[in-house]
Amino acid sequence: MSVTQNEKIRQVTDTTMVIGVDIASELHWARAFDWRGLELGKAVKFENSAEGFNFFLRWVSELTVEQKKDSVMVGLEPTGHYWFTLAAHLQGGDFKLVLVNPYHVKRSKELDDGHPSKSDKKDPKTIAKLVLEGRYVYPYIPQGLYAELRVAMNCRWRIRKELASIQNQIQRWLKIYFPEHSKVFGRFTGAGSMALLHSAPFPSDLISLGVEGISGIWKQMKLRGIGRKRAQRIYEAAQTSIGCTTGMEAARMELQILLEDYDAELQQYERVMQVVENLCSQIPAVAELLKIQGLGLVTVAGLFAEIGDIRRFESPRQIQKLAGLAITENSSGKHKGPTEISRRGRSRLRAILFRAAIPLLAKNREFQLLHRYYTTRQNNPLQKIQSVIAICCKLLRVFYALATKDCAYSPEKMLADIQRNQPLKAA
């Protein structure tokens, strides 16, 4: 539910105590204020532990009775991952938990003393003042299926990053010791290439095996589509290789370790994707979303992982803002600057949408027509990159409609923007 800033301010009454908490890895600081901004009691610090949390709860309870308050709002600055445990401990209790933007804290901390200094005792006051001004948001911590999916997709993202790092290191190794390898295989990740890298990585190893020995490795592994001709090519490349021949034994060990890491990461990736596929099968809208040509399981799972329960939003515009795709402008007086996206919000959600838009424009007919319309219309034609952003927003609207209304995907409804904005024919 969307709440205006005025409504947020009205929630702080004369019987409300506002507490600002500065989050750290081991030690948190807290300060309490009334609705006018007057400090109540003294600043306290507590550890990131069960004992520390219990101390904080006792302090809040005693201060509430002492100051005769009947409600408490706790404002946190979500610093990295350190705030998760405290938020989980406070959520569902007697407190109203809210979050303030770290960017706002950084910008407004000079209002009290005109000094840019930062301290653990100063930040809780700034956080509490932002809460009093209604500059906060309600935290959303995914639960159940969506929490599982977010963790699984975060794990997938980490494994993909590690795989890319290992691939780059293997390619570096090949450029040093066997630069001609890429001219024969292109990608080293193919089955035939990986078989040779495991058993005969150096040009000297391939020369010792000969054409028959190389093709024999592939026959033993029962690889199809690769045979004597490819063996002849890699053998000739090995004979004329300019690769380094120093430090061979250590280089062989290095490659073996890299290949072991690569194989292990691939197995982990397959395990994670099985979990992701199983979780997505429990979300009714996924099957309908996958019917959109050019949209894959990774994209759909990533959208649900980043957005969570989409029914908590009243409009797709709120999700657009969450992704940092809200349009901003820079205008003053007669000057009107160019508009651009805000880039504020979940950067990974924005990246997923952008990466999804590219294959949609390559494979999906209705999205191609929409892209052509955006870039060639008479009124306000968009540049190509602007059109891609508009396609991302359109995908969000389609995603929201299919997930909240339990309806079927319709290319005709998808193209309603074109039909709606066609100029009326003269009578």
Protein backbone atom coordinates (compact mmCIF):
# COMPACT_ATOMS: atom_id res chain seq x y z
CA MET A 1 0.00 0.00 0.00
CA SER A 2 1.36 3.41 -1.02
CA VAL A 3 1.61 5.95 1.80
CA THR A 4 2.20 9.67 1.23
CA GLN A 5 4.74 11.68 3.20
CA ASN A 6 1.96 13.60 4.98
CA GLU A 7 0.43 10.32 6.17
CA LYS A 8 3.84 9.19 7.40
CA ILE A 9 4.29 12.42 9.36
CA ARG A 10 0.82 12.07 10.95
CA GLN A 11 1.81 8.67 12.33
CA VAL A 12 4.22 10.44 14.70
CA THR A 13 2.08 11.93 17.46
CA ASP A 14 2.86 13.52 20.83
CA THR A 15 2.71 10.05 22.42
CA THR A 16 5.14 8.51 19.95
CA MET A 17 8.79 7.89 20.71
CA VAL A 18 11.10 7.78 17.68
CA ILE A 19 14.35 5.85 17.99
CA GLY A 20 17.19 6.13 15.50
CA VAL A 21 19.62 3.22 15.30
CA ASP A 22 23.00 3.36 13.56
CA ILE A 23 23.88 -0.13 12.36
CA ALA A 24 27.41 -1.53 12.43
CA SER A 25 28.92 -4.99 12.14
CA GLU A 26 29.36 -5.57 15.88
CA LEU A 27 28.15 -2.55 17.87
CA HIS A 28 24.97 -0.49 17.29
CA TRP A 29 24.11 2.96 18.67
CA ALA A 30 20.58 4.19 19.48
CA ARG A 31 19.03 7.54 20.49
CA ALA A 32 15.39 8.38 21.32
CA PHE A 33 13.40 11.54 20.50
CA ASP A 34 9.87 12.84 20.91
CA TRP A 35 7.63 14.18 18.13
CA ARG A 36 9.22 17.67 18.39
CA GLY A 37 12.77 16.34 18.05
CA LEU A 38 13.73 16.69 21.71
CA GLU A 39 16.05 13.93 22.87
CA LEU A 40 14.78 11.53 25.51
CA GLY A 41 17.39 9.97 27.74
CA LYS A 42 20.96 9.31 26.68
CA ALA A 43 22.48 7.52 23.69
CA VAL A 44 23.09 3.82 24.26
CA LYS A 45 25.15 1.21 22.49
CA PHE A 46 24.39 -2.50 22.27
CA GLU A 47 26.05 -5.52 20.71
CA ASN A 48 24.88 -7.45 17.69
CA SER A 49 23.95 -10.46 19.81
CA ALA A 50 21.01 -11.91 21.72
CA GLU A 51 22.20 -10.19 24.90
CA GLY A 52 22.58 -6.90 23.06
CA PHE A 53 19.11 -7.11 21.50
CA ASN A 54 17.54 -7.91 24.87
CA PHE A 55 19.35 -4.94 26.43
CA PHE A 56 18.00 -2.69 23.67
CA LEU A 57 14.43 -3.95 24.21
CA ARG A 58 14.67 -3.35 27.97
CA TRP A 59 16.02 0.15 27.39
CA VAL A 60 13.15 0.98 25.03
CA SER A 61 10.56 -0.46 27.41
CA GLU A 62 11.89 1.44 30.44
CA LEU A 63 12.17 4.71 28.46
CA THR A 64 8.63 4.30 27.11
CA VAL A 65 7.21 4.04 30.64
CA GLU A 66 9.40 6.85 31.96
CA GLN A 67 8.40 9.27 29.17
CA LYS A 68 4.75 8.11 29.18
CA LYS A 69 4.69 7.13 25.51
CA ASP A 70 2.30 4.57 24.05
CA SER A 71 3.94 3.85 20.67
CA VAL A 72 7.49 3.43 19.38
CA MET A 73 8.95 3.85 15.89
CA VAL A 74 12.42 2.45 15.25
CA GLY A 75 14.30 3.83 12.26
CA LEU A 76 17.26 1.95 10.81
CA GLU A 77 19.80 2.83 8.16
CA PRO A 78 20.11 -0.40 6.10
CA THR A 79 23.89 -0.71 6.08
CA GLY A 80 24.92 -3.64 3.89
CA HIS A 81 23.72 -6.93 5.36
CA TYR A 82 24.33 -5.98 9.00
CA TRP A 83 20.76 -4.81 9.62
CA PHE A 84 19.07 -8.12 8.71
CA THR A 85 19.36 -9.76 12.15
CA LEU A 86 18.15 -6.75 14.13
CA ALA A 87 15.24 -6.15 11.72
CA ALA A 88 14.20 -9.79 11.95
CA HIS A 89 14.35 -9.55 15.77
CA LEU A 90 12.20 -6.40 15.87
CA GLN A 91 9.71 -7.27 13.15
CA GLY A 92 6.39 -8.58 14.39
CA GLY A 93 6.83 -6.98 17.82
CA ASP A 94 5.25 -3.92 19.42
CA PHE A 95 7.48 -1.54 17.46
CA LYS A 96 6.87 0.01 14.06
CA LEU A 97 10.05 -0.67 12.08
CA VAL A 98 11.02 1.71 9.24
CA LEU A 99 14.09 2.29 7.07
CA VAL A 100 15.75 5.52 5.96
CA ASN A 101 17.85 5.96 2.85
CA PRO A 102 21.62 5.95 3.57
CA TYR A 103 22.00 8.60 0.86
CA HIS A 104 19.61 10.88 2.80
CA VAL A 105 21.56 10.29 6.01
CA LYS A 106 24.80 11.25 4.30
CA ARG A 107 23.30 14.42 2.82
CA SER A 108 21.47 15.67 5.92
CA LYS A 109 23.96 14.95 8.74
CA GLU A 110 25.41 18.49 8.45
CA LEU A 111 22.09 20.17 9.33
CA ASP A 112 22.72 19.97 13.08
CA ASP A 113 26.30 21.21 13.38
CA GLY A 114 27.27 22.32 9.86
CA HIS A 115 30.12 19.83 9.90
CA PRO A 116 30.58 16.81 7.61
CA SER A 117 31.97 14.63 10.41
CA LYS A 118 30.53 11.17 10.93
CA SER A 119 30.29 9.33 14.23
CA ASP A 120 28.31 6.45 15.68
CA LYS A 121 26.58 8.80 18.13
CA LYS A 122 25.74 11.46 15.53
CA ASP A 123 24.09 9.24 12.92
CA PRO A 124 21.21 7.93 15.12
CA LYS A 125 20.02 11.52 15.61
CA THR A 126 20.04 12.16 11.86
CA ILE A 127 18.13 8.92 11.28
CA ALA A 128 15.49 9.82 13.89
CA LYS A 129 15.03 13.33 12.40
CA LEU A 130 14.44 11.82 8.96
CA VAL A 131 11.76 9.56 10.47
CA LEU A 132 10.10 12.59 12.11
CA GLU A 133 9.99 14.27 8.67
CA GLY A 134 8.32 11.24 7.12
CA ARG A 135 11.35 10.41 4.98
CA TYR A 136 11.27 6.67 5.49
CA VAL A 137 10.00 3.48 3.90
CA TYR A 138 8.56 0.31 5.32
CA PRO A 139 10.94 -2.64 5.06
CA TYR A 140 10.04 -5.59 2.91
CA ILE A 141 11.72 -8.84 3.92
CA PRO A 142 10.63 -11.70 1.63
CA GLN A 143 8.95 -14.61 3.34
CA GLY A 144 8.39 -18.24 2.41
CA LEU A 145 8.74 -19.08 -1.28
CA TYR A 146 10.03 -15.64 -2.27
CA ALA A 147 12.72 -15.68 0.42
CA GLU A 148 13.91 -19.08 -0.83
CA LEU A 149 13.95 -17.83 -4.42
CA ARG A 150 15.91 -14.68 -3.57
CA VAL A 151 18.59 -16.66 -1.75
CA ALA A 152 18.79 -19.20 -4.57
CA MET A 153 19.11 -16.51 -7.26
CA ASN A 154 21.76 -14.69 -5.21
CA CYS A 155 23.65 -17.98 -5.04
CA ARG A 156 23.29 -18.39 -8.82
CA TRP A 157 24.62 -14.88 -9.38
CA ARG A 158 27.66 -15.59 -7.20
CA ILE A 159 28.42 -18.89 -8.99
CA ARG A 160 28.09 -17.25 -12.42
CA LYS A 161 30.54 -14.56 -11.32
CA GLU A 162 33.02 -17.18 -10.10
CA LEU A 163 32.61 -19.18 -13.31
CA ALA A 164 33.39 -16.12 -15.39
CA SER A 165 36.50 -15.47 -13.29
CA ILE A 166 37.73 -19.06 -13.75
CA GLN A 167 37.03 -18.94 -17.50
CA ASN A 168 39.10 -15.77 -17.80
CA GLN A 169 41.99 -17.43 -15.95
CA ILE A 170 41.86 -20.50 -18.20
CA GLN A 171 41.83 -18.29 -21.29
CA ARG A 172 44.84 -16.44 -19.90
CA TRP A 173 46.62 -19.79 -19.42
CA LEU A 174 45.86 -20.78 -23.04
CA LYS A 175 47.12 -17.44 -24.41
CA ILE A 176 50.42 -18.08 -22.67
CA TYR A 177 51.00 -21.81 -23.33
CA PHE A 178 48.83 -22.66 -26.35
CA PRO A 179 47.52 -19.51 -28.13
CA GLU A 180 46.56 -21.50 -31.26
CA HIS A 181 43.98 -23.48 -29.30
CA SER A 182 41.22 -20.91 -29.92
CA LYS A 183 41.71 -21.09 -33.72
CA VAL A 184 40.77 -24.78 -33.67
CA PHE A 185 38.05 -24.86 -31.01
CA GLY A 186 36.82 -21.28 -30.68
CA ARG A 187 35.43 -21.78 -27.17
CA PHE A 188 37.45 -23.93 -24.81
CA THR A 189 34.31 -25.00 -22.92
CA GLY A 190 33.25 -27.55 -25.58
CA ALA A 191 33.41 -31.25 -24.70
CA GLY A 192 36.22 -32.02 -27.16
CA SER A 193 38.35 -29.11 -25.98
CA MET A 194 37.81 -29.88 -22.29
CA ALA A 195 38.77 -33.53 -22.84
CA LEU A 196 42.15 -32.49 -24.26
CA LEU A 197 42.75 -29.86 -21.60
CA HIS A 198 42.26 -32.48 -18.91
CA SER A 199 44.55 -35.11 -20.47
CA ALA A 200 46.90 -33.33 -22.93
CA PRO A 201 46.91 -29.56 -22.42
CA PHE A 202 50.35 -28.64 -23.84
CA PRO A 203 51.34 -28.66 -27.53
CA SER A 204 54.11 -31.13 -26.66
CA ASP A 205 51.50 -33.51 -25.19
CA LEU A 206 49.46 -33.39 -28.39
CA ILE A 207 52.53 -33.97 -30.57
CA SER A 208 53.40 -37.04 -28.48
CA LEU A 209 49.88 -38.43 -28.90
CA GLY A 210 49.67 -37.83 -32.63
CA VAL A 211 46.45 -37.61 -34.64
CA GLU A 212 45.38 -41.15 -33.75
CA GLY A 213 45.98 -40.62 -30.04
CA ILE A 214 44.00 -37.36 -30.02
CA SER A 215 41.00 -38.86 -31.82
CA GLY A 216 41.29 -41.90 -29.54
CA ILE A 217 40.61 -39.71 -26.48
CA TRP A 218 37.36 -38.50 -28.07
CA LYS A 219 36.35 -42.01 -29.15
CA GLN A 220 36.90 -43.30 -25.64
CA MET A 221 34.58 -40.56 -24.30
CA LYS A 222 32.06 -41.33 -27.11
CA LEU A 223 31.91 -37.73 -28.28
CA ARG A 224 29.93 -37.12 -31.44
CA GLY A 225 30.53 -34.51 -34.12
CA ILE A 226 34.29 -34.37 -33.55
CA GLY A 227 36.79 -36.69 -35.18
CA ARG A 228 39.94 -37.10 -37.25
CA LYS A 229 39.73 -33.79 -39.14
CA ARG A 230 39.62 -31.80 -35.92
CA ALA A 231 42.38 -33.98 -34.49
CA GLN A 232 44.53 -33.21 -37.54
CA ARG A 233 43.94 -29.47 -37.13
CA ILE A 234 44.84 -29.39 -33.43
CA TYR A 235 47.90 -31.56 -34.12
CA GLU A 236 49.15 -29.15 -36.81
CA ALA A 237 48.46 -26.19 -34.52
CA ALA A 238 50.53 -27.86 -31.79
CA GLN A 239 53.44 -28.38 -34.20
CA THR A 240 53.59 -24.64 -35.04
CA SER A 241 52.67 -23.32 -31.59
CA ILE A 242 54.47 -20.27 -30.23
CA GLY A 243 53.42 -20.99 -26.65
CA CYS A 244 55.81 -20.65 -23.73
CA THR A 245 57.74 -23.73 -22.66
CA THR A 246 58.99 -22.57 -19.25
CA GLY A 247 57.56 -23.61 -15.90
CA MET A 248 55.67 -26.46 -17.52
CA GLU A 249 55.01 -28.63 -14.48
CA ALA A 250 53.71 -25.78 -12.35
CA ALA A 251 51.63 -24.55 -15.30
CA ARG A 252 50.14 -28.05 -15.68
CA MET A 253 49.23 -28.03 -11.99
CA GLU A 254 47.71 -24.57 -12.31
CA LEU A 255 45.48 -25.65 -15.21
CA GLN A 256 44.38 -28.82 -13.40
CA ILE A 257 43.33 -26.75 -10.37
CA LEU A 258 41.43 -24.29 -12.58
CA LEU A 259 39.64 -27.12 -14.40
CA GLU A 260 38.72 -28.78 -11.10
CA ASP A 261 37.29 -25.49 -9.85
CA TYR A 262 35.41 -25.02 -13.14
CA ASP A 263 33.86 -28.50 -13.01
CA ALA A 264 32.89 -28.03 -9.35
CA GLU A 265 31.25 -24.65 -10.07
CA LEU A 266 29.30 -26.18 -12.98
CA GLN A 267 27.94 -28.90 -10.70
CA GLN A 268 26.95 -26.30 -8.11
CA TYR A 269 25.26 -24.23 -10.82
CA GLU A 270 23.18 -27.22 -11.92
CA ARG A 271 22.13 -27.86 -8.29
CA VAL A 272 21.07 -24.25 -7.84
CA MET A 273 19.10 -24.21 -11.10
CA GLN A 274 17.22 -27.35 -10.03
CA VAL A 275 16.18 -25.56 -6.84
CA VAL A 276 15.19 -22.44 -8.81
CA GLU A 277 13.13 -24.48 -11.27
CA ASN A 278 11.36 -26.28 -8.43
CA LEU A 279 10.55 -22.99 -6.65
CA CYS A 280 9.28 -21.35 -9.84
CA SER A 281 6.98 -24.28 -10.51
CA GLN A 282 5.11 -23.31 -7.32
CA ILE A 283 4.35 -19.78 -8.58
CA PRO A 284 1.22 -19.89 -10.78
CA ALA A 285 2.16 -16.94 -13.01
CA VAL A 286 5.51 -18.42 -14.10
CA ALA A 287 4.00 -20.86 -16.60
CA GLU A 288 2.13 -18.04 -18.36
CA LEU A 289 5.17 -15.74 -18.36
CA LEU A 290 7.32 -18.43 -19.97
CA LYS A 291 4.91 -18.49 -22.92
CA ILE A 292 6.28 -15.09 -23.98
CA GLN A 293 8.77 -15.82 -26.74
CA GLY A 294 12.25 -14.66 -25.75
CA LEU A 295 11.62 -14.84 -21.99
CA GLY A 296 13.45 -17.59 -20.10
CA LEU A 297 13.32 -19.17 -16.67
CA VAL A 298 16.35 -17.25 -15.36
CA THR A 299 14.72 -13.90 -16.23
CA VAL A 300 11.35 -14.79 -14.70
CA ALA A 301 12.97 -16.23 -11.56
CA GLY A 302 15.18 -13.16 -11.26
CA LEU A 303 12.18 -10.82 -11.47
CA PHE A 304 10.30 -12.67 -8.72
CA ALA A 305 13.47 -12.89 -6.60
CA GLU A 306 14.04 -9.13 -6.76
CA ILE A 307 10.39 -8.01 -6.53
CA GLY A 308 9.08 -10.64 -4.12
CA ASP A 309 5.33 -10.86 -3.73
CA ILE A 310 4.18 -8.61 -6.55
CA ARG A 311 0.66 -8.31 -5.14
CA ARG A 312 1.96 -5.92 -2.49
CA PHE A 313 2.20 -3.20 -5.16
CA GLU A 314 -0.82 -1.15 -6.20
CA SER A 315 0.58 -0.24 -9.60
CA PRO A 316 3.41 -1.30 -11.95
CA ARG A 317 4.70 2.28 -11.66
CA GLN A 318 5.79 1.47 -8.11
CA ILE A 319 7.86 -1.46 -9.43
CA GLN A 320 9.26 0.82 -12.12
CA LYS A 321 10.42 3.18 -9.36
CA LEU A 322 11.84 0.23 -7.39
CA ALA A 323 13.95 -0.69 -10.44
CA GLY A 324 15.27 2.85 -10.83
CA LEU A 325 13.40 3.33 -14.12
CA ALA A 326 11.31 6.31 -12.97
CA ILE A 327 11.72 9.29 -15.30
CA THR A 328 13.40 12.38 -13.85
CA GLU A 329 13.88 15.82 -15.37
CA ASN A 330 16.11 18.83 -14.78
CA SER A 331 14.11 22.00 -15.45
CA SER A 332 14.30 25.54 -14.12
CA GLY A 333 12.35 28.53 -15.42
CA LYS A 334 12.38 28.50 -19.20
CA HIS A 335 15.12 25.88 -19.30
CA LYS A 336 13.95 22.32 -19.71
CA GLY A 337 16.72 19.74 -19.52
CA PRO A 338 16.64 16.24 -20.96
CA THR A 339 14.77 13.52 -19.09
CA GLU A 340 16.49 10.36 -17.89
CA ILE A 341 15.88 7.41 -15.59
CA SER A 342 16.58 7.88 -11.88
CA ARG A 343 18.82 4.81 -11.46
CA ARG A 344 17.70 4.69 -7.82
CA GLY A 345 16.50 1.37 -6.48
CA ARG A 346 17.44 -2.25 -7.06
CA SER A 347 20.22 -2.19 -9.63
CA ARG A 348 20.04 -5.94 -10.17
CA LEU A 349 16.33 -5.72 -11.04
CA ARG A 350 17.14 -2.99 -13.57
CA ALA A 351 19.91 -5.15 -15.06
CA ILE A 352 17.58 -8.18 -15.35
CA LEU A 353 14.99 -6.10 -17.21
CA PHE A 354 17.57 -4.63 -19.59
CA ARG A 355 19.09 -8.05 -20.35
CA ALA A 356 15.61 -9.45 -20.92
CA ALA A 357 14.67 -6.66 -23.35
CA ILE A 358 17.51 -7.45 -25.79
CA PRO A 359 16.43 -11.06 -26.65
CA LEU A 360 12.80 -9.93 -26.71
CA LEU A 361 13.66 -7.44 -29.44
CA ALA A 362 15.52 -10.17 -31.32
CA LYS A 363 12.94 -12.98 -31.05
CA ASN A 364 9.52 -11.60 -30.13
CA ARG A 365 7.42 -10.14 -32.96
CA GLU A 366 5.12 -7.97 -30.83
CA PHE A 367 8.01 -6.41 -28.94
CA GLN A 368 9.77 -5.78 -32.26
CA LEU A 369 6.69 -3.95 -33.55
CA LEU A 370 6.49 -1.92 -30.35
CA HIS A 371 10.18 -1.00 -30.62
CA ARG A 372 9.69 0.08 -34.23
CA TYR A 373 6.69 2.19 -33.22
CA TYR A 374 8.57 3.91 -30.37
CA THR A 375 11.50 4.84 -32.65
CA THR A 376 9.53 5.92 -35.75
CA ARG A 377 6.34 7.57 -34.44
CA GLN A 378 5.66 11.12 -35.54
CA ASN A 379 5.22 12.61 -32.07
CA ASN A 380 8.20 12.29 -29.73
CA PRO A 381 10.14 9.47 -31.45
CA LEU A 382 12.59 7.76 -29.10
CA GLN A 383 16.22 6.93 -29.64
CA LYS A 384 17.06 3.22 -29.68
CA ILE A 385 18.36 3.09 -26.12
CA GLN A 386 15.36 5.10 -24.91
CA SER A 387 13.09 2.63 -26.65
CA VAL A 388 14.84 -0.27 -24.89
CA ILE A 389 14.12 1.41 -21.54
CA ALA A 390 10.47 1.88 -22.62
CA ILE A 391 10.39 -1.84 -23.51
CA CYS A 392 11.68 -2.65 -20.01
CA CYS A 393 8.81 -0.65 -18.50
CA LYS A 394 6.34 -2.35 -20.83
CA LEU A 395 7.67 -5.75 -19.75
CA LEU A 396 7.10 -4.74 -16.13
CA ARG A 397 3.47 -3.85 -16.90
CA VAL A 398 2.93 -7.18 -18.66
CA PHE A 399 4.61 -9.01 -15.79
CA TYR A 400 2.42 -7.18 -13.24
CA ALA A 401 -0.81 -7.91 -15.15
CA LEU A 402 -0.09 -11.63 -15.59
CA ALA A 403 1.02 -12.08 -11.98
CA THR A 404 -1.83 -10.16 -10.31
CA LYS A 405 -4.82 -10.79 -12.55
CA ASP A 406 -4.14 -14.47 -13.34
CA CYS A 407 -4.90 -13.81 -17.01
CA ALA A 408 -3.39 -15.27 -20.18
CA TYR A 409 -0.73 -13.48 -22.21
CA SER A 410 -2.21 -11.71 -25.24
CA PRO A 411 -0.02 -10.21 -28.01
CA GLU A 412 -3.00 -8.08 -29.07
CA LYS A 413 -3.23 -6.43 -25.64
CA MET A 414 0.55 -6.04 -25.67
CA LEU A 415 0.28 -3.92 -28.83
CA ALA A 416 -2.51 -1.73 -27.44
CA ASP A 417 -0.05 1.17 -27.07
CA ILE A 418 0.34 1.33 -30.85
CA GLN A 419 -3.38 1.13 -31.57
CA ARG A 420 -4.28 3.61 -28.83
CA ASN A 421 -1.91 6.28 -30.10
CA GLN A 422 -2.68 6.02 -33.83
CA PRO A 423 -3.95 9.37 -35.21
CA LEU A 424 -7.69 9.47 -35.95
CA LYS A 425 -8.61 9.23 -39.61
CA ALA A 426 -10.38 12.21 -41.15
CA ALA A 427 -14.11 11.75 -41.40
